[in-house]
N, C-alpha and C. Protein backbone atom coordinates (compact mmCIF):
# COMPACT_ATOMS: atom_id res chain seq x y z
N MET A 1 0.82 -1.16 -0.02
CA MET A 1 0.03 0.02 -0.02
C MET A 1 0.87 1.23 -0.05
N LYS A 2 0.58 2.10 -0.94
CA LYS A 2 1.33 3.38 -0.99
C LYS A 2 1.01 4.37 0.14
N THR A 3 1.93 5.26 0.45
CA THR A 3 1.72 6.16 1.58
C THR A 3 0.42 6.91 1.51
N ASN A 4 0.14 7.50 0.41
CA ASN A 4 -1.09 8.28 0.19
C ASN A 4 -2.26 7.44 0.47
N GLU A 5 -2.33 6.11 0.05
CA GLU A 5 -3.51 5.29 0.18
C GLU A 5 -3.61 4.93 1.71
N LEU A 6 -2.47 4.86 2.45
CA LEU A 6 -2.46 4.52 3.82
C LEU A 6 -3.10 5.73 4.53
N ILE A 7 -2.62 7.05 4.29
CA ILE A 7 -3.20 8.14 4.85
C ILE A 7 -4.68 8.31 4.66
N ALA A 8 -5.09 7.98 3.40
CA ALA A 8 -6.49 8.14 3.08
C ALA A 8 -7.38 7.13 3.90
N ALA A 9 -6.78 5.89 4.05
CA ALA A 9 -7.52 4.89 4.79
C ALA A 9 -7.61 5.26 6.32
N LEU A 10 -6.49 5.80 6.77
CA LEU A 10 -6.71 6.16 8.28
C LEU A 10 -7.51 7.44 8.50
N ALA A 11 -7.60 8.35 7.52
CA ALA A 11 -8.41 9.46 7.55
C ALA A 11 -9.90 9.10 7.39
N ALA A 12 -10.14 8.06 6.63
CA ALA A 12 -11.58 7.66 6.47
C ALA A 12 -12.27 7.19 7.77
N ASP A 13 -11.29 6.71 8.67
CA ASP A 13 -11.93 6.19 9.92
C ASP A 13 -11.93 7.23 11.08
N ALA A 14 -11.27 8.43 10.77
CA ALA A 14 -11.28 9.45 11.72
C ALA A 14 -12.72 10.05 11.93
N GLN A 15 -13.00 10.28 13.17
CA GLN A 15 -14.30 10.85 13.54
C GLN A 15 -14.03 12.25 14.16
N PRO A 16 -14.76 13.26 13.81
CA PRO A 16 -14.46 14.70 14.36
C PRO A 16 -14.91 14.65 15.83
N VAL A 17 -14.13 15.33 16.69
CA VAL A 17 -14.47 15.46 18.00
C VAL A 17 -15.53 16.56 18.15
N ALA A 18 -16.58 16.25 18.81
CA ALA A 18 -17.72 17.15 19.03
C ALA A 18 -17.25 18.41 19.85
N PRO A 19 -17.67 19.65 19.39
CA PRO A 19 -17.38 20.82 20.15
C PRO A 19 -17.79 20.72 21.64
N SER A 20 -18.79 20.07 21.93
CA SER A 20 -19.30 19.89 23.23
C SER A 20 -18.29 19.15 24.14
N ALA A 21 -17.65 18.21 23.59
CA ALA A 21 -16.55 17.46 24.21
C ALA A 21 -15.48 18.34 24.67
N LEU A 22 -15.06 19.20 23.73
CA LEU A 22 -13.91 20.23 24.01
C LEU A 22 -14.37 21.18 25.04
N ARG A 23 -15.63 21.62 24.92
CA ARG A 23 -16.12 22.66 25.92
C ARG A 23 -16.27 22.03 27.33
N ARG A 24 -16.61 20.69 27.40
CA ARG A 24 -16.63 20.01 28.73
C ARG A 24 -15.26 19.95 29.30
N ARG A 25 -14.33 19.55 28.45
CA ARG A 25 -12.90 19.47 28.85
C ARG A 25 -12.44 20.74 29.47
N LEU A 26 -12.64 21.89 28.75
CA LEU A 26 -12.03 23.05 29.25
C LEU A 26 -12.92 23.56 30.45
N ALA A 27 -14.19 23.26 30.51
CA ALA A 27 -15.03 23.62 31.66
C ALA A 27 -14.47 22.92 32.90
N LEU A 28 -14.23 21.65 32.75
CA LEU A 28 -13.83 20.88 33.89
C LEU A 28 -12.44 21.38 34.45
N ALA A 29 -11.55 21.66 33.46
CA ALA A 29 -10.26 22.33 33.82
C ALA A 29 -10.43 23.70 34.55
N SER A 30 -11.31 24.48 34.05
CA SER A 30 -11.58 25.77 34.64
C SER A 30 -12.14 25.59 36.12
N LEU A 31 -13.18 24.71 36.17
CA LEU A 31 -13.71 24.56 37.53
C LEU A 31 -12.62 23.98 38.58
N ILE A 32 -11.69 23.15 38.19
CA ILE A 32 -10.64 22.72 39.15
C ILE A 32 -9.74 23.87 39.40
N ALA A 33 -9.46 24.75 38.34
CA ALA A 33 -8.59 25.90 38.58
C ALA A 33 -9.18 26.90 39.43
N VAL A 34 -10.55 27.04 39.40
CA VAL A 34 -11.20 28.07 40.24
C VAL A 34 -11.09 27.53 41.70
N THR A 35 -11.34 26.32 41.82
CA THR A 35 -11.29 25.70 43.18
C THR A 35 -9.85 25.91 43.83
N ALA A 36 -8.88 25.63 42.95
CA ALA A 36 -7.53 25.70 43.44
C ALA A 36 -7.14 27.17 43.70
N GLY A 37 -7.71 28.15 42.97
CA GLY A 37 -7.52 29.54 43.22
C GLY A 37 -8.11 30.09 44.56
N VAL A 38 -9.36 29.63 44.69
CA VAL A 38 -10.00 30.04 45.93
C VAL A 38 -9.30 29.38 47.20
N ALA A 39 -8.70 28.16 47.06
CA ALA A 39 -8.04 27.52 48.16
C ALA A 39 -6.71 28.22 48.39
N LEU A 40 -6.08 28.66 47.33
CA LEU A 40 -4.75 29.53 47.45
C LEU A 40 -5.13 30.81 48.30
N VAL A 41 -6.20 31.50 47.97
CA VAL A 41 -6.63 32.78 48.75
C VAL A 41 -6.82 32.40 50.14
N LEU A 42 -7.49 31.37 50.46
CA LEU A 42 -7.94 30.93 51.81
C LEU A 42 -6.73 30.63 52.65
N VAL A 43 -5.78 29.89 52.08
CA VAL A 43 -4.62 29.40 52.81
C VAL A 43 -3.45 30.38 52.82
N TRP A 44 -3.33 31.14 51.75
CA TRP A 44 -2.04 31.99 51.52
C TRP A 44 -2.46 33.40 51.90
N LEU A 45 -3.42 34.02 51.20
CA LEU A 45 -3.62 35.46 51.38
C LEU A 45 -4.70 35.63 52.41
N HIS A 46 -5.65 34.75 52.51
CA HIS A 46 -6.77 34.96 53.47
C HIS A 46 -7.93 35.81 52.93
N MET A 47 -9.01 35.49 53.28
CA MET A 47 -10.22 36.25 52.81
C MET A 47 -10.26 37.63 53.52
N ARG A 48 -10.67 38.66 52.73
CA ARG A 48 -10.79 39.99 53.42
C ARG A 48 -11.73 39.96 54.62
N PRO A 49 -11.44 40.53 55.68
CA PRO A 49 -12.20 40.34 56.87
C PRO A 49 -13.64 40.91 56.85
N ASP A 50 -13.77 41.92 55.94
CA ASP A 50 -15.23 42.62 55.83
C ASP A 50 -15.92 42.06 54.53
N ILE A 51 -15.72 40.74 54.19
CA ILE A 51 -16.27 40.16 52.93
C ILE A 51 -17.74 40.23 52.97
N HIS A 52 -18.42 39.98 54.09
CA HIS A 52 -19.76 39.94 54.12
C HIS A 52 -20.44 41.37 53.91
N PHE A 53 -19.79 42.37 54.40
CA PHE A 53 -20.17 43.77 54.24
C PHE A 53 -19.87 44.12 52.64
N ALA A 54 -18.73 43.79 52.24
CA ALA A 54 -18.29 44.27 50.86
C ALA A 54 -19.27 43.58 49.92
N MET A 55 -19.68 42.45 49.98
CA MET A 55 -20.60 41.79 49.01
C MET A 55 -22.00 42.46 48.99
N ARG A 56 -22.30 43.39 49.90
CA ARG A 56 -23.41 44.23 49.71
C ARG A 56 -23.28 45.51 48.91
N THR A 57 -22.08 45.83 48.43
CA THR A 57 -21.84 46.94 47.82
C THR A 57 -21.82 46.78 46.37
N ALA A 58 -22.14 47.86 45.53
CA ALA A 58 -22.07 47.80 44.02
C ALA A 58 -20.67 47.62 43.57
N ALA A 59 -19.75 48.31 44.32
CA ALA A 59 -18.26 48.37 43.88
C ALA A 59 -17.72 46.90 43.85
N PHE A 60 -18.06 46.12 44.86
CA PHE A 60 -17.53 44.77 44.91
C PHE A 60 -18.01 43.98 43.63
N TRP A 61 -19.21 44.20 43.24
CA TRP A 61 -19.81 43.35 42.09
C TRP A 61 -19.35 43.96 40.85
N ILE A 62 -19.10 45.25 40.74
CA ILE A 62 -18.40 45.82 39.53
C ILE A 62 -17.11 45.21 39.38
N LYS A 63 -16.34 45.15 40.41
CA LYS A 63 -14.99 44.54 40.20
C LYS A 63 -15.11 43.06 39.79
N ALA A 64 -15.89 42.35 40.59
CA ALA A 64 -16.02 40.92 40.23
C ALA A 64 -16.49 40.64 38.81
N GLY A 65 -17.54 41.63 38.38
CA GLY A 65 -18.09 41.44 37.00
C GLY A 65 -17.07 41.76 36.01
N TYR A 66 -16.11 42.72 36.27
CA TYR A 66 -15.13 43.03 35.23
C TYR A 66 -14.10 41.85 35.05
N THR A 67 -13.61 41.37 36.26
CA THR A 67 -12.64 40.33 36.12
C THR A 67 -13.27 38.96 35.70
N ALA A 68 -14.50 38.72 36.00
CA ALA A 68 -15.15 37.54 35.60
C ALA A 68 -15.45 37.58 34.07
N SER A 69 -15.73 38.83 33.53
CA SER A 69 -15.96 38.95 32.16
C SER A 69 -14.54 38.65 31.29
N LEU A 70 -13.45 39.05 31.91
CA LEU A 70 -12.25 38.73 31.27
C LEU A 70 -11.99 37.28 31.25
N ALA A 71 -12.35 36.48 32.33
CA ALA A 71 -12.17 35.08 32.41
C ALA A 71 -13.10 34.38 31.40
N ALA A 72 -14.28 34.92 31.24
CA ALA A 72 -15.25 34.31 30.21
C ALA A 72 -14.72 34.48 28.93
N CYS A 73 -14.16 35.80 28.58
CA CYS A 73 -13.63 35.99 27.34
C CYS A 73 -12.47 34.97 27.02
N GLY A 74 -11.62 34.84 28.06
CA GLY A 74 -10.49 33.96 27.90
C GLY A 74 -10.96 32.48 27.65
N PHE A 75 -12.11 32.12 28.29
CA PHE A 75 -12.59 30.80 28.16
C PHE A 75 -13.13 30.58 26.69
N ALA A 76 -13.83 31.59 26.18
CA ALA A 76 -14.22 31.58 24.77
C ALA A 76 -13.17 31.44 23.78
N LEU A 77 -12.17 32.44 23.98
CA LEU A 77 -11.10 32.39 23.04
C LEU A 77 -10.21 31.11 23.10
N THR A 78 -10.05 30.51 24.36
CA THR A 78 -9.34 29.28 24.41
C THR A 78 -10.05 28.16 23.68
N LEU A 79 -11.37 28.06 23.85
CA LEU A 79 -12.10 27.01 23.20
C LEU A 79 -11.96 27.30 21.58
N ARG A 80 -12.00 28.50 21.22
CA ARG A 80 -11.84 28.70 19.77
C ARG A 80 -10.44 28.48 19.16
N MET A 81 -9.60 29.01 19.95
CA MET A 81 -8.18 28.74 19.52
C MET A 81 -7.67 27.32 19.55
N GLY A 82 -8.40 26.41 20.27
CA GLY A 82 -8.05 25.03 20.34
C GLY A 82 -8.61 24.25 19.17
N ARG A 83 -9.23 24.96 18.24
CA ARG A 83 -9.77 24.25 17.05
C ARG A 83 -9.18 24.83 15.87
N PRO A 84 -8.54 24.12 14.98
CA PRO A 84 -7.83 24.64 13.82
C PRO A 84 -8.76 25.28 12.84
N GLY A 85 -8.29 26.46 12.26
CA GLY A 85 -9.08 27.16 11.27
C GLY A 85 -10.21 28.00 11.89
N VAL A 86 -10.52 27.96 13.13
CA VAL A 86 -11.64 28.74 13.76
C VAL A 86 -11.05 30.17 14.20
N LYS A 87 -11.70 31.19 13.72
CA LYS A 87 -11.31 32.56 13.98
C LYS A 87 -11.87 32.88 15.41
N PRO A 88 -11.27 33.94 16.02
CA PRO A 88 -11.63 34.29 17.38
C PRO A 88 -13.03 34.80 17.47
N GLY A 89 -13.46 35.53 16.40
CA GLY A 89 -14.89 36.02 16.38
C GLY A 89 -15.10 37.28 17.41
N GLY A 90 -16.30 37.24 17.85
CA GLY A 90 -16.64 38.36 18.67
C GLY A 90 -16.05 38.33 20.05
N ALA A 91 -15.53 37.11 20.52
CA ALA A 91 -14.95 36.84 21.74
C ALA A 91 -13.60 37.76 21.90
N LEU A 92 -13.03 38.17 20.71
CA LEU A 92 -11.70 39.04 20.84
C LEU A 92 -12.04 40.29 21.13
N ALA A 93 -13.21 40.85 20.88
CA ALA A 93 -13.58 42.24 21.26
C ALA A 93 -14.13 42.43 22.70
N ALA A 94 -14.47 41.28 23.23
CA ALA A 94 -15.14 41.42 24.68
C ALA A 94 -14.13 42.03 25.71
N ALA A 95 -13.02 41.46 25.65
CA ALA A 95 -12.01 42.10 26.81
C ALA A 95 -11.84 43.53 26.65
N PRO A 96 -11.46 44.11 25.38
CA PRO A 96 -11.29 45.48 25.28
C PRO A 96 -12.56 46.29 25.51
N ILE A 97 -13.68 45.71 25.26
CA ILE A 97 -14.90 46.51 25.50
C ILE A 97 -15.13 46.57 27.08
N ALA A 98 -14.91 45.44 27.73
CA ALA A 98 -15.00 45.53 29.22
C ALA A 98 -14.05 46.42 29.82
N PHE A 99 -12.84 46.50 29.24
CA PHE A 99 -11.81 47.34 29.79
C PHE A 99 -12.17 48.75 29.58
N ALA A 100 -12.64 49.09 28.37
CA ALA A 100 -13.07 50.48 28.07
C ALA A 100 -14.32 50.94 28.93
N ALA A 101 -15.19 50.07 29.13
CA ALA A 101 -16.43 50.47 30.02
C ALA A 101 -15.88 50.76 31.45
N LEU A 102 -15.00 50.06 32.00
CA LEU A 102 -14.62 50.28 33.33
C LEU A 102 -13.70 51.51 33.46
N ALA A 103 -12.93 51.77 32.32
CA ALA A 103 -12.17 52.97 32.27
C ALA A 103 -13.01 54.22 32.31
N VAL A 104 -14.19 54.18 31.52
CA VAL A 104 -14.99 55.34 31.53
C VAL A 104 -15.58 55.58 32.88
N LEU A 105 -15.92 54.28 33.55
CA LEU A 105 -16.45 54.52 34.93
C LEU A 105 -15.41 55.08 35.96
N ALA A 106 -14.20 54.63 35.71
CA ALA A 106 -13.10 55.12 36.48
C ALA A 106 -12.82 56.59 36.36
N ALA A 107 -13.00 57.07 35.14
CA ALA A 107 -12.80 58.51 34.74
C ALA A 107 -13.79 59.34 35.53
N GLY A 108 -15.08 58.86 35.42
CA GLY A 108 -16.17 59.62 35.99
C GLY A 108 -15.99 59.60 37.52
N GLU A 109 -15.63 58.46 38.06
CA GLU A 109 -15.41 58.35 39.52
C GLU A 109 -14.36 59.30 39.99
N LEU A 110 -13.28 59.46 39.25
CA LEU A 110 -12.14 60.34 39.62
C LEU A 110 -12.48 61.84 39.54
N LEU A 111 -13.40 62.13 38.50
CA LEU A 111 -13.89 63.54 38.40
C LEU A 111 -14.63 63.92 39.52
N LEU A 112 -15.42 63.04 40.24
CA LEU A 112 -16.18 63.31 41.38
C LEU A 112 -15.39 63.29 42.68
N THR A 113 -14.20 62.79 42.58
CA THR A 113 -13.41 62.69 43.70
C THR A 113 -12.63 63.98 43.99
N PRO A 114 -12.52 64.50 45.17
CA PRO A 114 -11.71 65.66 45.49
C PRO A 114 -10.25 65.42 44.98
N LYS A 115 -9.70 66.50 44.44
CA LYS A 115 -8.31 66.29 43.94
C LYS A 115 -7.28 65.72 44.95
N GLY A 116 -7.36 66.01 46.14
CA GLY A 116 -6.47 65.50 47.12
C GLY A 116 -6.55 64.02 47.29
N LEU A 117 -7.59 63.49 46.92
CA LEU A 117 -7.76 62.06 47.13
C LEU A 117 -7.73 61.17 45.85
N ARG A 118 -7.53 61.85 44.77
CA ARG A 118 -7.45 61.07 43.45
C ARG A 118 -6.25 60.05 43.35
N LEU A 119 -5.16 60.47 43.94
CA LEU A 119 -4.02 59.60 43.80
C LEU A 119 -4.19 58.43 44.68
N HIS A 120 -4.73 58.59 45.77
CA HIS A 120 -5.07 57.50 46.64
C HIS A 120 -6.03 56.55 46.05
N ASP A 121 -7.15 57.10 45.46
CA ASP A 121 -8.07 56.26 44.75
C ASP A 121 -7.44 55.33 43.74
N TRP A 122 -6.45 56.05 43.05
CA TRP A 122 -5.79 55.33 42.00
C TRP A 122 -4.71 54.15 42.44
N LEU A 123 -3.88 54.59 43.38
CA LEU A 123 -2.92 53.70 43.87
C LEU A 123 -3.33 52.84 45.06
N GLY A 124 -4.40 53.28 45.80
CA GLY A 124 -4.79 52.48 47.04
C GLY A 124 -3.64 52.28 47.96
N THR A 125 -3.58 51.14 48.54
CA THR A 125 -2.45 50.81 49.47
C THR A 125 -1.69 49.55 48.93
N SER A 126 -2.13 48.97 47.86
CA SER A 126 -1.52 47.73 47.47
C SER A 126 -1.15 47.71 46.05
N TRP A 127 -1.05 48.80 45.33
CA TRP A 127 -0.76 48.81 43.91
C TRP A 127 0.59 48.15 43.59
N GLN A 128 1.57 48.14 44.48
CA GLN A 128 2.91 47.58 44.24
C GLN A 128 2.87 46.06 44.17
N VAL A 129 1.86 45.39 44.88
CA VAL A 129 1.87 44.02 45.03
C VAL A 129 0.66 43.36 44.08
N CYS A 130 -0.44 44.19 43.86
CA CYS A 130 -1.50 43.57 43.26
C CYS A 130 -1.28 42.95 41.89
N PRO A 131 -0.71 43.43 40.86
CA PRO A 131 -0.51 42.63 39.70
C PRO A 131 0.33 41.42 39.82
N PHE A 132 1.22 41.42 40.80
CA PHE A 132 2.08 40.16 40.96
C PHE A 132 1.30 39.13 41.64
N LEU A 133 0.43 39.45 42.58
CA LEU A 133 -0.42 38.49 43.28
C LEU A 133 -1.45 37.89 42.19
N ILE A 134 -1.97 38.77 41.47
CA ILE A 134 -2.88 38.18 40.48
C ILE A 134 -2.26 37.28 39.47
N LEU A 135 -0.97 37.66 39.10
CA LEU A 135 -0.21 36.78 38.21
C LEU A 135 0.07 35.42 38.82
N ALA A 136 0.33 35.55 40.21
CA ALA A 136 0.59 34.21 40.87
C ALA A 136 -0.59 33.38 40.89
N LEU A 137 -1.81 34.03 41.17
CA LEU A 137 -3.03 33.34 41.31
C LEU A 137 -3.65 32.83 39.99
N SER A 138 -3.02 33.39 38.79
CA SER A 138 -3.47 33.04 37.49
C SER A 138 -2.86 31.63 37.19
N ALA A 139 -1.78 31.27 37.92
CA ALA A 139 -1.17 29.93 37.40
C ALA A 139 -1.90 28.72 37.41
N PRO A 140 -2.77 28.45 38.30
CA PRO A 140 -3.62 27.10 38.28
C PRO A 140 -4.53 27.25 37.19
N ALA A 141 -5.25 28.31 36.75
CA ALA A 141 -6.14 28.35 35.65
C ALA A 141 -5.31 28.27 34.31
N PHE A 142 -4.17 29.03 34.28
CA PHE A 142 -3.37 28.88 33.06
C PHE A 142 -2.95 27.52 32.82
N ALA A 143 -2.46 26.81 33.76
CA ALA A 143 -1.96 25.44 33.60
C ALA A 143 -3.19 24.51 33.20
N ALA A 144 -4.32 24.71 33.78
CA ALA A 144 -5.55 23.91 33.41
C ALA A 144 -5.92 24.17 31.98
N ALA A 145 -5.87 25.49 31.50
CA ALA A 145 -6.23 25.72 30.20
C ALA A 145 -5.19 25.17 29.23
N ILE A 146 -3.87 25.15 29.49
CA ILE A 146 -2.85 24.58 28.69
C ILE A 146 -3.17 23.06 28.61
N TRP A 147 -3.51 22.42 29.65
CA TRP A 147 -3.85 21.08 29.67
C TRP A 147 -5.00 20.69 28.87
N ALA A 148 -6.11 21.66 28.81
CA ALA A 148 -7.19 21.43 28.05
C ALA A 148 -6.79 21.60 26.52
N LEU A 149 -6.04 22.51 26.25
CA LEU A 149 -5.53 22.86 24.83
C LEU A 149 -4.72 21.73 24.28
N ARG A 150 -3.95 20.93 25.15
CA ARG A 150 -3.18 19.89 24.61
C ARG A 150 -3.99 18.80 24.17
N GLY A 151 -5.27 18.74 24.69
CA GLY A 151 -6.12 17.57 24.28
C GLY A 151 -6.96 18.13 23.00
N MET A 152 -6.71 19.35 22.52
CA MET A 152 -7.51 19.87 21.46
C MET A 152 -6.50 19.79 20.16
N ALA A 153 -6.64 20.75 19.24
CA ALA A 153 -5.70 20.85 18.12
C ALA A 153 -5.37 22.19 17.74
N PRO A 154 -4.65 22.90 18.65
CA PRO A 154 -4.38 24.32 18.24
C PRO A 154 -3.28 24.46 17.24
N THR A 155 -3.43 25.45 16.35
CA THR A 155 -2.42 25.55 15.32
C THR A 155 -1.70 26.93 15.37
N ARG A 156 -2.44 27.94 15.97
CA ARG A 156 -1.83 29.13 16.25
C ARG A 156 -1.40 29.32 17.74
N LEU A 157 -0.17 28.68 17.99
CA LEU A 157 0.05 28.41 19.44
C LEU A 157 0.34 29.62 20.25
N GLY A 158 0.83 30.67 19.76
CA GLY A 158 1.09 31.92 20.58
C GLY A 158 -0.37 32.55 20.81
N ARG A 159 -1.25 32.60 19.89
CA ARG A 159 -2.57 33.06 20.27
C ARG A 159 -3.37 32.19 21.31
N ALA A 160 -3.19 30.83 21.09
CA ALA A 160 -3.71 29.88 22.03
C ALA A 160 -3.27 30.09 23.45
N GLY A 161 -1.86 30.44 23.60
CA GLY A 161 -1.32 30.61 24.79
C GLY A 161 -1.75 31.84 25.47
N ALA A 162 -1.94 32.93 24.59
CA ALA A 162 -2.46 34.12 25.14
C ALA A 162 -3.98 34.03 25.49
N ALA A 163 -4.72 33.24 24.89
CA ALA A 163 -6.07 32.95 25.27
C ALA A 163 -6.08 32.31 26.72
N ALA A 164 -5.15 31.34 26.88
CA ALA A 164 -5.10 30.59 28.13
C ALA A 164 -4.57 31.49 29.17
N GLY A 165 -3.75 32.49 28.71
CA GLY A 165 -3.28 33.46 29.87
C GLY A 165 -4.46 34.38 30.22
N LEU A 166 -5.28 34.85 29.34
CA LEU A 166 -6.44 35.53 29.66
C LEU A 166 -7.42 34.86 30.53
N LEU A 167 -7.73 33.60 30.23
CA LEU A 167 -8.52 32.79 31.10
C LEU A 167 -7.86 32.75 32.52
N GLY A 168 -6.53 32.43 32.61
CA GLY A 168 -5.88 32.28 33.89
C GLY A 168 -5.83 33.64 34.59
N GLY A 169 -5.59 34.73 33.88
CA GLY A 169 -5.60 36.06 34.57
C GLY A 169 -6.86 36.48 35.02
N GLY A 170 -7.92 36.26 34.25
CA GLY A 170 -9.34 36.64 34.67
C GLY A 170 -9.82 35.80 35.91
N VAL A 171 -9.42 34.49 35.89
CA VAL A 171 -9.73 33.81 37.20
C VAL A 171 -8.87 34.17 38.35
N GLY A 172 -7.63 34.41 38.13
CA GLY A 172 -6.69 34.94 39.17
C GLY A 172 -7.25 36.19 39.75
N ALA A 173 -7.62 37.11 38.94
CA ALA A 173 -8.05 38.38 39.32
C ALA A 173 -9.44 38.25 40.10
N THR A 174 -10.27 37.48 39.73
CA THR A 174 -11.51 37.20 40.31
C THR A 174 -11.35 36.70 41.73
N VAL A 175 -10.57 35.64 41.94
CA VAL A 175 -10.40 35.08 43.28
C VAL A 175 -9.62 35.99 44.18
N TYR A 176 -8.74 36.78 43.52
CA TYR A 176 -7.92 37.76 44.27
C TYR A 176 -8.87 38.89 44.84
N GLY A 177 -9.92 39.08 44.24
CA GLY A 177 -10.91 40.05 44.75
C GLY A 177 -11.57 39.71 46.12
N LEU A 178 -11.54 38.31 46.35
CA LEU A 178 -12.06 37.88 47.65
C LEU A 178 -11.05 38.26 48.83
N HIS A 179 -9.79 38.61 48.51
CA HIS A 179 -8.88 39.04 49.44
C HIS A 179 -8.62 40.62 49.44
N CYS A 180 -8.54 41.15 48.25
CA CYS A 180 -8.30 42.47 48.02
C CYS A 180 -9.32 43.49 48.57
N GLN A 181 -8.98 44.58 49.41
CA GLN A 181 -9.97 45.50 49.88
C GLN A 181 -10.10 46.79 49.06
N GLU A 182 -9.22 46.85 47.97
CA GLU A 182 -9.43 47.94 47.14
C GLU A 182 -10.67 47.97 46.32
N MET A 183 -11.40 49.04 46.22
CA MET A 183 -12.68 49.02 45.60
C MET A 183 -12.94 49.90 44.43
N THR A 184 -12.02 50.91 44.26
CA THR A 184 -12.23 52.04 43.20
C THR A 184 -12.12 51.47 41.90
N ALA A 185 -12.71 51.96 40.95
CA ALA A 185 -12.71 51.55 39.47
C ALA A 185 -11.41 51.88 38.99
N ALA A 186 -10.84 53.06 39.43
CA ALA A 186 -9.55 53.52 38.90
C ALA A 186 -8.48 52.47 39.31
N PHE A 187 -8.49 51.98 40.54
CA PHE A 187 -7.54 51.01 40.91
C PHE A 187 -7.66 49.68 40.10
N VAL A 188 -8.93 49.23 39.94
CA VAL A 188 -9.18 47.97 39.44
C VAL A 188 -8.81 48.04 37.90
N VAL A 189 -9.16 49.01 37.23
CA VAL A 189 -8.97 49.05 35.75
C VAL A 189 -7.43 49.24 35.43
N THR A 190 -6.67 49.73 36.45
CA THR A 190 -5.23 49.84 36.22
C THR A 190 -4.42 48.63 36.72
N TRP A 191 -4.50 48.39 38.01
CA TRP A 191 -3.59 47.46 38.45
C TRP A 191 -4.15 45.95 38.34
N TYR A 192 -5.39 45.78 38.48
CA TYR A 192 -5.96 44.42 38.10
C TYR A 192 -5.71 44.19 36.69
N SER A 193 -5.89 45.02 35.75
CA SER A 193 -5.75 44.85 34.36
C SER A 193 -4.31 44.51 34.04
N LEU A 194 -3.44 45.18 34.74
CA LEU A 194 -2.07 44.96 34.50
C LEU A 194 -1.61 43.52 34.84
N GLY A 195 -2.19 42.93 35.85
CA GLY A 195 -1.96 41.59 36.26
C GLY A 195 -2.44 40.69 35.30
N VAL A 196 -3.68 40.96 34.88
CA VAL A 196 -4.31 40.08 33.82
C VAL A 196 -3.46 40.06 32.46
N PHE A 197 -3.20 41.26 32.05
CA PHE A 197 -2.61 41.27 30.74
C PHE A 197 -1.15 40.86 30.77
N ALA A 198 -0.54 40.90 31.96
CA ALA A 198 0.75 40.28 32.03
C ALA A 198 0.65 38.73 31.90
N ALA A 199 -0.42 38.15 32.43
CA ALA A 199 -0.54 36.82 32.22
C ALA A 199 -0.90 36.39 30.76
N VAL A 200 -1.52 37.38 30.05
CA VAL A 200 -1.74 37.14 28.61
C VAL A 200 -0.44 37.16 27.82
N ALA A 201 0.41 38.22 28.22
CA ALA A 201 1.73 38.20 27.57
C ALA A 201 2.63 37.02 27.75
N ILE A 202 2.64 36.47 29.00
CA ILE A 202 3.40 35.28 29.34
C ILE A 202 2.84 34.06 28.60
N GLY A 203 1.56 34.09 28.55
CA GLY A 203 0.87 32.95 27.81
C GLY A 203 1.25 32.94 26.34
N ALA A 204 1.30 34.11 25.78
CA ALA A 204 1.63 34.26 24.35
C ALA A 204 3.03 33.78 24.24
N LEU A 205 4.06 34.03 25.07
CA LEU A 205 5.42 33.58 24.93
C LEU A 205 5.57 32.07 25.24
N LEU A 206 4.81 31.58 26.20
CA LEU A 206 5.05 30.11 26.47
C LEU A 206 4.13 29.30 25.64
N GLY A 207 3.15 29.70 25.00
CA GLY A 207 2.31 28.86 24.12
C GLY A 207 2.97 28.08 23.14
N PRO A 208 3.83 28.64 22.34
CA PRO A 208 4.61 27.82 21.36
C PRO A 208 5.37 26.73 21.90
N ARG A 209 5.84 26.85 23.10
CA ARG A 209 6.58 25.82 23.70
C ARG A 209 5.77 24.85 24.41
N LEU A 210 4.80 25.21 25.02
CA LEU A 210 3.96 24.28 25.98
C LEU A 210 2.93 23.51 24.96
N LEU A 211 2.49 24.07 23.84
CA LEU A 211 1.55 23.46 23.05
C LEU A 211 2.05 22.90 21.77
N ARG A 212 3.43 22.77 21.59
CA ARG A 212 4.06 22.19 20.39
C ARG A 212 3.66 20.74 20.37
N TRP A 213 3.22 20.31 19.05
CA TRP A 213 2.82 19.00 18.93
C TRP A 213 3.96 18.03 18.96
């Protein structure tokens, strides 16, 4: 049998993997990663002491909504980048839209803040560590996303790694919000975003190495 005939015979028996199977694989990996992230916060950083009061405020849920939207965008992009020939689609625009919306809210918030307090609202008391802690907390979700992608068929490895980084960063930022007491939109859109997009950059760099067939 010639090589071409052998390839054709093998391809004839190949069955496409259902998109739902890939989605379940990534969803399972994400669930495990979220659990690991929450456990890290509880054991390492500890829950913010006023969490019950904070959860009654709009600022808490705006922060959580922003970071969760980044994680959801990363999930959608990772799923799409794991399938050869599939374009990012509308999922690619979701993260910039969420960032822009929060940036507008932050600008309005700062305009209403007395000048003497604006710097404090922007820097808070933890700006120096916030991005690094988010990056650390992104590791479980990033690793889980890479594991899920290795069971798929990504062809654009840098983009797939960046998508995994966005998923990891979004999850890391969301669970970090359980510890962090900073609540201003200016702080979140700057320092939380920096941590998330650092994870995206690292994912883009590591993707070609970690996802090479």
